Amino acid sequence: MRPPLPYRLHTNRELGMMLRGEKPLAVFNDGYDRFPAAVLRYLACFDRLVREGVLLKREYVVPDSAMSGRCKGHHTIIYALPSEAWRIDAMIELRWRLYDGWSLDNEREEGCLLGYEDWQNEAWLSQYSRANH
């Protein structure tokens, strides 16, 4: 079992943090048409704020023929504060690198794009590298 991180993860707290200006970007990923009902309810809250112009949204699906009919692909939904719109394209570009291999530098960049501070990224990378290498 991993030791606890010295900070709270953003998971399930993204919306409140974004509304307070503490988090610039939120990313949700699952199989196409596979998001659980609880996640869909959470995304509906984000979508209401998109309609009001408070947040921006981009989504895309990467088809996955390797899923043997179990899933049509990987569905990614990204929300950003309007002042942080550049992060959407940066995250999409970063996520495409996943298909060429993923490095600790990619993991660090993802953390920065999501709004984690340098010290938080270093703590995460310390655990990530032990678990994955």
N, C-alpha and C. Protein backbone atom coordinates (compact mmCIF):
# COMPACT_ATOMS: atom_id res chain seq x y z
N MET A 1 0.83 -1.18 0.00
CA MET A 1 0.00 0.00 0.00
C MET A 1 0.88 1.25 0.00
N ARG A 2 0.46 2.23 -0.80
CA ARG A 2 1.22 3.47 -0.88
C ARG A 2 1.04 4.32 0.37
N PRO A 3 2.11 5.02 0.76
CA PRO A 3 1.93 5.99 1.86
C PRO A 3 1.05 7.14 1.37
N PRO A 4 0.37 7.80 2.28
CA PRO A 4 -0.49 8.90 1.86
C PRO A 4 0.33 10.07 1.31
N LEU A 5 -0.27 10.77 0.37
CA LEU A 5 0.37 11.97 -0.16
C LEU A 5 0.26 13.09 0.87
N PRO A 6 1.16 14.05 0.85
CA PRO A 6 1.13 15.15 1.84
C PRO A 6 0.15 16.28 1.44
N TYR A 7 -0.81 15.96 0.59
CA TYR A 7 -1.82 16.94 0.17
C TYR A 7 -3.06 16.17 -0.27
N ARG A 8 -4.18 16.85 -0.37
CA ARG A 8 -5.42 16.23 -0.84
C ARG A 8 -5.48 16.28 -2.35
N LEU A 9 -5.82 15.16 -2.95
CA LEU A 9 -5.99 15.13 -4.40
C LEU A 9 -7.19 15.98 -4.80
N HIS A 10 -7.19 16.43 -6.03
CA HIS A 10 -8.30 17.23 -6.56
C HIS A 10 -9.53 16.38 -6.87
N THR A 11 -9.36 15.08 -6.96
CA THR A 11 -10.43 14.18 -7.36
C THR A 11 -11.69 14.41 -6.54
N ASN A 12 -12.80 14.56 -7.24
CA ASN A 12 -14.14 14.81 -6.67
C ASN A 12 -14.26 16.19 -6.02
N ARG A 13 -13.26 17.02 -6.19
CA ARG A 13 -13.31 18.38 -5.63
C ARG A 13 -13.07 19.43 -6.72
N GLU A 14 -12.97 18.97 -7.97
CA GLU A 14 -12.58 19.84 -9.07
C GLU A 14 -13.51 21.04 -9.23
N LEU A 15 -14.81 20.80 -9.23
CA LEU A 15 -15.75 21.87 -9.52
C LEU A 15 -15.63 23.02 -8.53
N GLY A 16 -15.66 22.71 -7.26
CA GLY A 16 -15.53 23.75 -6.24
C GLY A 16 -14.22 24.49 -6.36
N MET A 17 -13.14 23.75 -6.61
CA MET A 17 -11.83 24.37 -6.74
C MET A 17 -11.79 25.29 -7.97
N MET A 18 -12.42 24.87 -9.05
CA MET A 18 -12.42 25.70 -10.24
C MET A 18 -13.23 26.97 -9.99
N LEU A 19 -14.35 26.85 -9.34
CA LEU A 19 -15.19 28.02 -9.07
C LEU A 19 -14.49 29.02 -8.15
N ARG A 20 -13.61 28.52 -7.28
CA ARG A 20 -12.83 29.40 -6.40
C ARG A 20 -11.55 29.90 -7.07
N GLY A 21 -11.30 29.45 -8.30
CA GLY A 21 -10.09 29.86 -9.02
C GLY A 21 -8.84 29.14 -8.56
N GLU A 22 -9.00 28.02 -7.85
CA GLU A 22 -7.87 27.26 -7.32
C GLU A 22 -7.39 26.18 -8.28
N LYS A 23 -8.18 25.85 -9.26
CA LYS A 23 -7.85 24.78 -10.21
C LYS A 23 -8.24 25.25 -11.59
N PRO A 24 -7.32 25.19 -12.55
CA PRO A 24 -7.61 25.74 -13.88
C PRO A 24 -8.26 24.77 -14.86
N LEU A 25 -8.14 23.47 -14.59
CA LEU A 25 -8.51 22.47 -15.60
C LEU A 25 -8.98 21.19 -14.91
N ALA A 26 -9.97 20.54 -15.49
CA ALA A 26 -10.42 19.23 -15.01
C ALA A 26 -10.57 18.31 -16.21
N VAL A 27 -10.14 17.07 -16.06
CA VAL A 27 -10.18 16.09 -17.15
C VAL A 27 -10.87 14.83 -16.65
N PHE A 28 -11.80 14.34 -17.46
CA PHE A 28 -12.52 13.10 -17.16
C PHE A 28 -12.36 12.19 -18.36
N ASN A 29 -12.05 10.92 -18.09
CA ASN A 29 -11.79 9.97 -19.16
C ASN A 29 -12.38 8.62 -18.78
N ASP A 30 -13.07 8.01 -19.74
CA ASP A 30 -13.61 6.66 -19.54
C ASP A 30 -13.90 6.09 -20.92
N GLY A 31 -14.38 4.88 -20.96
CA GLY A 31 -14.80 4.31 -22.23
C GLY A 31 -16.00 5.07 -22.76
N TYR A 32 -16.14 5.10 -24.08
CA TYR A 32 -17.27 5.78 -24.68
C TYR A 32 -18.57 5.17 -24.17
N ASP A 33 -19.47 6.01 -23.71
CA ASP A 33 -20.75 5.59 -23.10
C ASP A 33 -20.55 4.74 -21.85
N ARG A 34 -19.43 4.92 -21.14
CA ARG A 34 -19.13 4.11 -19.96
C ARG A 34 -19.03 4.92 -18.67
N PHE A 35 -19.22 6.24 -18.73
CA PHE A 35 -19.13 7.01 -17.50
C PHE A 35 -20.21 6.54 -16.53
N PRO A 36 -19.86 6.27 -15.28
CA PRO A 36 -20.87 5.87 -14.29
C PRO A 36 -21.89 6.99 -14.05
N ALA A 37 -23.07 6.61 -13.58
CA ALA A 37 -24.16 7.57 -13.35
C ALA A 37 -23.72 8.70 -12.42
N ALA A 38 -22.95 8.39 -11.39
CA ALA A 38 -22.52 9.44 -10.45
C ALA A 38 -21.61 10.45 -11.15
N VAL A 39 -20.77 9.98 -12.05
CA VAL A 39 -19.90 10.89 -12.79
C VAL A 39 -20.73 11.74 -13.75
N LEU A 40 -21.71 11.13 -14.40
CA LEU A 40 -22.57 11.89 -15.31
C LEU A 40 -23.32 13.00 -14.58
N ARG A 41 -23.75 12.73 -13.35
CA ARG A 41 -24.41 13.78 -12.55
C ARG A 41 -23.42 14.91 -12.25
N TYR A 42 -22.20 14.55 -11.92
CA TYR A 42 -21.16 15.54 -11.64
C TYR A 42 -20.86 16.37 -12.89
N LEU A 43 -20.76 15.70 -14.04
CA LEU A 43 -20.50 16.40 -15.30
C LEU A 43 -21.65 17.33 -15.66
N ALA A 44 -22.87 16.98 -15.30
CA ALA A 44 -24.01 17.86 -15.56
C ALA A 44 -23.85 19.20 -14.84
N CYS A 45 -23.24 19.18 -13.67
CA CYS A 45 -22.97 20.43 -12.93
C CYS A 45 -21.97 21.29 -13.71
N PHE A 46 -20.93 20.66 -14.24
CA PHE A 46 -19.96 21.37 -15.06
C PHE A 46 -20.65 21.93 -16.31
N ASP A 47 -21.48 21.10 -16.95
CA ASP A 47 -22.13 21.51 -18.19
C ASP A 47 -23.06 22.71 -17.99
N ARG A 48 -23.71 22.78 -16.85
CA ARG A 48 -24.55 23.94 -16.56
C ARG A 48 -23.71 25.20 -16.56
N LEU A 49 -22.52 25.11 -15.98
CA LEU A 49 -21.62 26.27 -15.93
C LEU A 49 -21.02 26.59 -17.30
N VAL A 50 -20.90 25.58 -18.15
CA VAL A 50 -20.47 25.83 -19.53
C VAL A 50 -21.55 26.65 -20.24
N ARG A 51 -22.81 26.25 -20.08
CA ARG A 51 -23.91 26.99 -20.72
C ARG A 51 -23.99 28.43 -20.22
N GLU A 52 -23.59 28.65 -18.96
CA GLU A 52 -23.61 30.00 -18.39
C GLU A 52 -22.36 30.80 -18.74
N GLY A 53 -21.39 30.18 -19.42
CA GLY A 53 -20.17 30.87 -19.80
C GLY A 53 -19.11 30.94 -18.71
N VAL A 54 -19.32 30.20 -17.63
CA VAL A 54 -18.37 30.21 -16.52
C VAL A 54 -17.17 29.30 -16.81
N LEU A 55 -17.41 28.20 -17.54
CA LEU A 55 -16.37 27.24 -17.89
C LEU A 55 -16.40 26.99 -19.40
N LEU A 56 -15.29 26.50 -19.91
CA LEU A 56 -15.19 26.04 -21.29
C LEU A 56 -15.14 24.52 -21.28
N LYS A 57 -15.55 23.91 -22.38
CA LYS A 57 -15.58 22.45 -22.47
C LYS A 57 -15.08 22.01 -23.83
N ARG A 58 -14.33 20.92 -23.82
CA ARG A 58 -13.95 20.24 -25.06
C ARG A 58 -14.01 18.76 -24.78
N GLU A 59 -14.48 18.00 -25.73
CA GLU A 59 -14.47 16.55 -25.57
C GLU A 59 -14.12 15.89 -26.89
N TYR A 60 -13.58 14.69 -26.77
CA TYR A 60 -13.22 13.92 -27.96
C TYR A 60 -13.23 12.45 -27.62
N VAL A 61 -13.35 11.64 -28.66
CA VAL A 61 -13.33 10.18 -28.52
C VAL A 61 -12.23 9.64 -29.42
N VAL A 62 -11.40 8.79 -28.84
CA VAL A 62 -10.38 8.09 -29.61
C VAL A 62 -10.90 6.68 -29.84
N PRO A 63 -11.22 6.33 -31.09
CA PRO A 63 -11.73 4.98 -31.37
C PRO A 63 -10.72 3.93 -30.94
N ASP A 64 -11.23 2.82 -30.48
CA ASP A 64 -10.35 1.75 -30.00
C ASP A 64 -10.80 0.43 -30.58
N SER A 65 -10.21 0.05 -31.69
CA SER A 65 -10.57 -1.21 -32.33
C SER A 65 -10.08 -2.41 -31.52
N ALA A 66 -9.16 -2.19 -30.61
CA ALA A 66 -8.63 -3.29 -29.79
C ALA A 66 -9.59 -3.72 -28.70
N MET A 67 -10.69 -2.99 -28.52
CA MET A 67 -11.63 -3.32 -27.44
C MET A 67 -12.56 -4.46 -27.81
N SER A 68 -12.46 -5.00 -29.00
CA SER A 68 -13.24 -6.16 -29.44
C SER A 68 -14.74 -5.98 -29.21
N GLY A 69 -15.24 -4.81 -29.53
CA GLY A 69 -16.67 -4.59 -29.41
C GLY A 69 -17.14 -4.24 -28.01
N ARG A 70 -16.26 -4.30 -27.02
CA ARG A 70 -16.66 -3.98 -25.64
C ARG A 70 -16.83 -2.49 -25.44
N CYS A 71 -16.14 -1.69 -26.25
CA CYS A 71 -16.15 -0.25 -26.05
C CYS A 71 -15.83 0.40 -27.39
N LYS A 72 -16.50 1.51 -27.70
CA LYS A 72 -16.29 2.20 -28.97
C LYS A 72 -15.03 3.05 -28.97
N GLY A 73 -14.46 3.28 -27.80
CA GLY A 73 -13.27 4.10 -27.72
C GLY A 73 -13.12 4.74 -26.36
N HIS A 74 -12.15 5.61 -26.26
CA HIS A 74 -11.87 6.33 -25.01
C HIS A 74 -12.42 7.75 -25.14
N HIS A 75 -13.30 8.11 -24.24
CA HIS A 75 -13.99 9.40 -24.27
C HIS A 75 -13.35 10.31 -23.23
N THR A 76 -12.86 11.45 -23.66
CA THR A 76 -12.23 12.42 -22.77
C THR A 76 -13.03 13.71 -22.80
N ILE A 77 -13.31 14.26 -21.61
CA ILE A 77 -14.02 15.52 -21.46
C ILE A 77 -13.13 16.43 -20.63
N ILE A 78 -12.89 17.64 -21.14
CA ILE A 78 -12.00 18.59 -20.48
C ILE A 78 -12.76 19.89 -20.23
N TYR A 79 -12.64 20.40 -19.02
CA TYR A 79 -13.23 21.69 -18.66
C TYR A 79 -12.10 22.62 -18.22
N ALA A 80 -12.22 23.90 -18.57
CA ALA A 80 -11.22 24.87 -18.16
C ALA A 80 -11.89 26.20 -17.81
N LEU A 81 -11.21 26.93 -16.97
CA LEU A 81 -11.61 28.31 -16.73
C LEU A 81 -11.34 29.09 -18.02
N PRO A 82 -12.19 30.04 -18.40
CA PRO A 82 -11.95 30.79 -19.64
C PRO A 82 -10.57 31.44 -19.72
N SER A 83 -10.06 31.92 -18.60
CA SER A 83 -8.73 32.54 -18.61
C SER A 83 -7.60 31.52 -18.79
N GLU A 84 -7.94 30.24 -18.70
CA GLU A 84 -6.95 29.16 -18.81
C GLU A 84 -7.23 28.27 -20.02
N ALA A 85 -7.91 28.81 -21.02
CA ALA A 85 -8.32 28.03 -22.19
C ALA A 85 -7.14 27.33 -22.88
N TRP A 86 -5.97 27.94 -22.86
CA TRP A 86 -4.79 27.35 -23.52
C TRP A 86 -4.46 25.96 -22.98
N ARG A 87 -4.86 25.70 -21.75
CA ARG A 87 -4.55 24.40 -21.14
C ARG A 87 -5.29 23.24 -21.83
N ILE A 88 -6.42 23.53 -22.44
CA ILE A 88 -7.18 22.47 -23.11
C ILE A 88 -6.35 21.88 -24.24
N ASP A 89 -5.87 22.72 -25.16
CA ASP A 89 -5.05 22.21 -26.27
C ASP A 89 -3.76 21.58 -25.77
N ALA A 90 -3.16 22.16 -24.74
CA ALA A 90 -1.93 21.58 -24.19
C ALA A 90 -2.19 20.19 -23.61
N MET A 91 -3.32 20.01 -22.94
CA MET A 91 -3.65 18.69 -22.37
C MET A 91 -3.94 17.69 -23.47
N ILE A 92 -4.67 18.10 -24.50
CA ILE A 92 -4.94 17.17 -25.61
C ILE A 92 -3.64 16.74 -26.27
N GLU A 93 -2.76 17.69 -26.52
CA GLU A 93 -1.46 17.35 -27.11
C GLU A 93 -0.68 16.39 -26.21
N LEU A 94 -0.67 16.67 -24.92
CA LEU A 94 0.03 15.80 -23.98
C LEU A 94 -0.58 14.40 -23.97
N ARG A 95 -1.90 14.32 -23.93
CA ARG A 95 -2.57 13.02 -23.90
C ARG A 95 -2.27 12.18 -25.14
N TRP A 96 -2.07 12.81 -26.30
CA TRP A 96 -1.73 12.06 -27.51
C TRP A 96 -0.37 11.41 -27.37
N ARG A 97 0.51 11.99 -26.56
CA ARG A 97 1.84 11.39 -26.34
C ARG A 97 1.73 10.05 -25.62
N LEU A 98 0.63 9.83 -24.95
CA LEU A 98 0.40 8.56 -24.25
C LEU A 98 0.55 7.37 -25.20
N TYR A 99 0.16 7.57 -26.44
CA TYR A 99 0.20 6.48 -27.42
C TYR A 99 1.62 6.19 -27.88
N ASP A 100 2.55 7.10 -27.62
CA ASP A 100 3.96 6.88 -27.97
C ASP A 100 4.80 6.47 -26.76
N GLY A 101 4.17 6.35 -25.62
CA GLY A 101 4.87 6.06 -24.37
C GLY A 101 4.71 7.25 -23.43
N TRP A 102 4.82 6.99 -22.16
CA TRP A 102 4.57 8.01 -21.14
C TRP A 102 5.77 8.07 -20.23
N SER A 103 6.22 9.26 -19.90
CA SER A 103 7.41 9.42 -19.08
C SER A 103 7.08 10.19 -17.81
N LEU A 104 8.04 10.25 -16.91
CA LEU A 104 7.87 11.07 -15.71
C LEU A 104 7.71 12.54 -16.06
N ASP A 105 8.38 12.99 -17.11
CA ASP A 105 8.21 14.37 -17.55
C ASP A 105 6.79 14.63 -18.03
N ASN A 106 6.20 13.64 -18.73
CA ASN A 106 4.80 13.77 -19.15
C ASN A 106 3.88 13.83 -17.93
N GLU A 107 4.16 13.00 -16.95
CA GLU A 107 3.36 12.97 -15.73
C GLU A 107 3.44 14.32 -15.00
N ARG A 108 4.64 14.88 -14.94
CA ARG A 108 4.84 16.19 -14.31
C ARG A 108 4.07 17.28 -15.07
N GLU A 109 4.17 17.25 -16.40
CA GLU A 109 3.47 18.24 -17.21
C GLU A 109 1.96 18.14 -17.01
N GLU A 110 1.45 16.93 -16.94
CA GLU A 110 0.01 16.75 -16.70
C GLU A 110 -0.38 17.36 -15.35
N GLY A 111 0.41 17.11 -14.32
CA GLY A 111 0.13 17.69 -13.01
C GLY A 111 0.11 19.21 -13.05
N CYS A 112 1.07 19.80 -13.76
CA CYS A 112 1.11 21.26 -13.89
C CYS A 112 -0.13 21.78 -14.61
N LEU A 113 -0.51 21.12 -15.70
CA LEU A 113 -1.69 21.55 -16.44
C LEU A 113 -2.96 21.46 -15.59
N LEU A 114 -3.01 20.45 -14.72
CA LEU A 114 -4.18 20.28 -13.86
C LEU A 114 -4.20 21.26 -12.69
N GLY A 115 -3.09 21.94 -12.45
CA GLY A 115 -3.06 22.95 -11.41
C GLY A 115 -2.35 22.56 -10.13
N TYR A 116 -1.67 21.42 -10.14
CA TYR A 116 -0.90 21.04 -8.96
C TYR A 116 0.36 21.89 -8.88
N GLU A 117 0.78 22.21 -7.67
CA GLU A 117 1.99 22.99 -7.46
C GLU A 117 3.21 22.09 -7.61
N ASP A 118 4.38 22.70 -7.80
CA ASP A 118 5.62 21.93 -8.01
C ASP A 118 5.86 20.92 -6.90
N TRP A 119 5.70 21.33 -5.64
CA TRP A 119 5.97 20.41 -4.53
C TRP A 119 4.98 19.25 -4.54
N GLN A 120 3.74 19.49 -4.96
CA GLN A 120 2.76 18.41 -5.06
C GLN A 120 3.14 17.45 -6.18
N ASN A 121 3.57 17.99 -7.31
CA ASN A 121 4.00 17.14 -8.41
C ASN A 121 5.19 16.28 -8.00
N GLU A 122 6.12 16.86 -7.28
CA GLU A 122 7.29 16.08 -6.85
C GLU A 122 6.89 14.94 -5.91
N ALA A 123 5.97 15.21 -4.99
CA ALA A 123 5.49 14.15 -4.09
C ALA A 123 4.79 13.05 -4.89
N TRP A 124 3.95 13.44 -5.84
CA TRP A 124 3.25 12.46 -6.67
C TRP A 124 4.25 11.65 -7.49
N LEU A 125 5.21 12.31 -8.12
CA LEU A 125 6.17 11.61 -8.96
C LEU A 125 7.03 10.65 -8.17
N SER A 126 7.31 10.98 -6.94
CA SER A 126 8.06 10.07 -6.09
C SER A 126 7.30 8.75 -5.91
N GLN A 127 6.01 8.85 -5.63
CA GLN A 127 5.19 7.64 -5.48
C GLN A 127 4.99 6.95 -6.83
N TYR A 128 4.71 7.72 -7.85
CA TYR A 128 4.44 7.17 -9.18
C TYR A 128 5.64 6.38 -9.69
N SER A 129 6.83 6.93 -9.53
CA SER A 129 8.02 6.25 -10.05
C SER A 129 8.30 4.96 -9.28
N ARG A 130 8.04 4.96 -7.97
CA ARG A 130 8.23 3.72 -7.20
C ARG A 130 7.22 2.65 -7.62
N ALA A 131 6.00 3.06 -7.91
CA ALA A 131 4.95 2.10 -8.26
C ALA A 131 5.05 1.61 -9.70
N ASN A 132 5.65 2.40 -10.59
CA ASN A 132 5.63 2.07 -12.01
C ASN A 132 6.99 1.75 -12.61
N HIS A 133 8.03 1.73 -11.79
CA HIS A 133 9.35 1.43 -12.35
C HIS A 133 10.11 0.46 -11.48
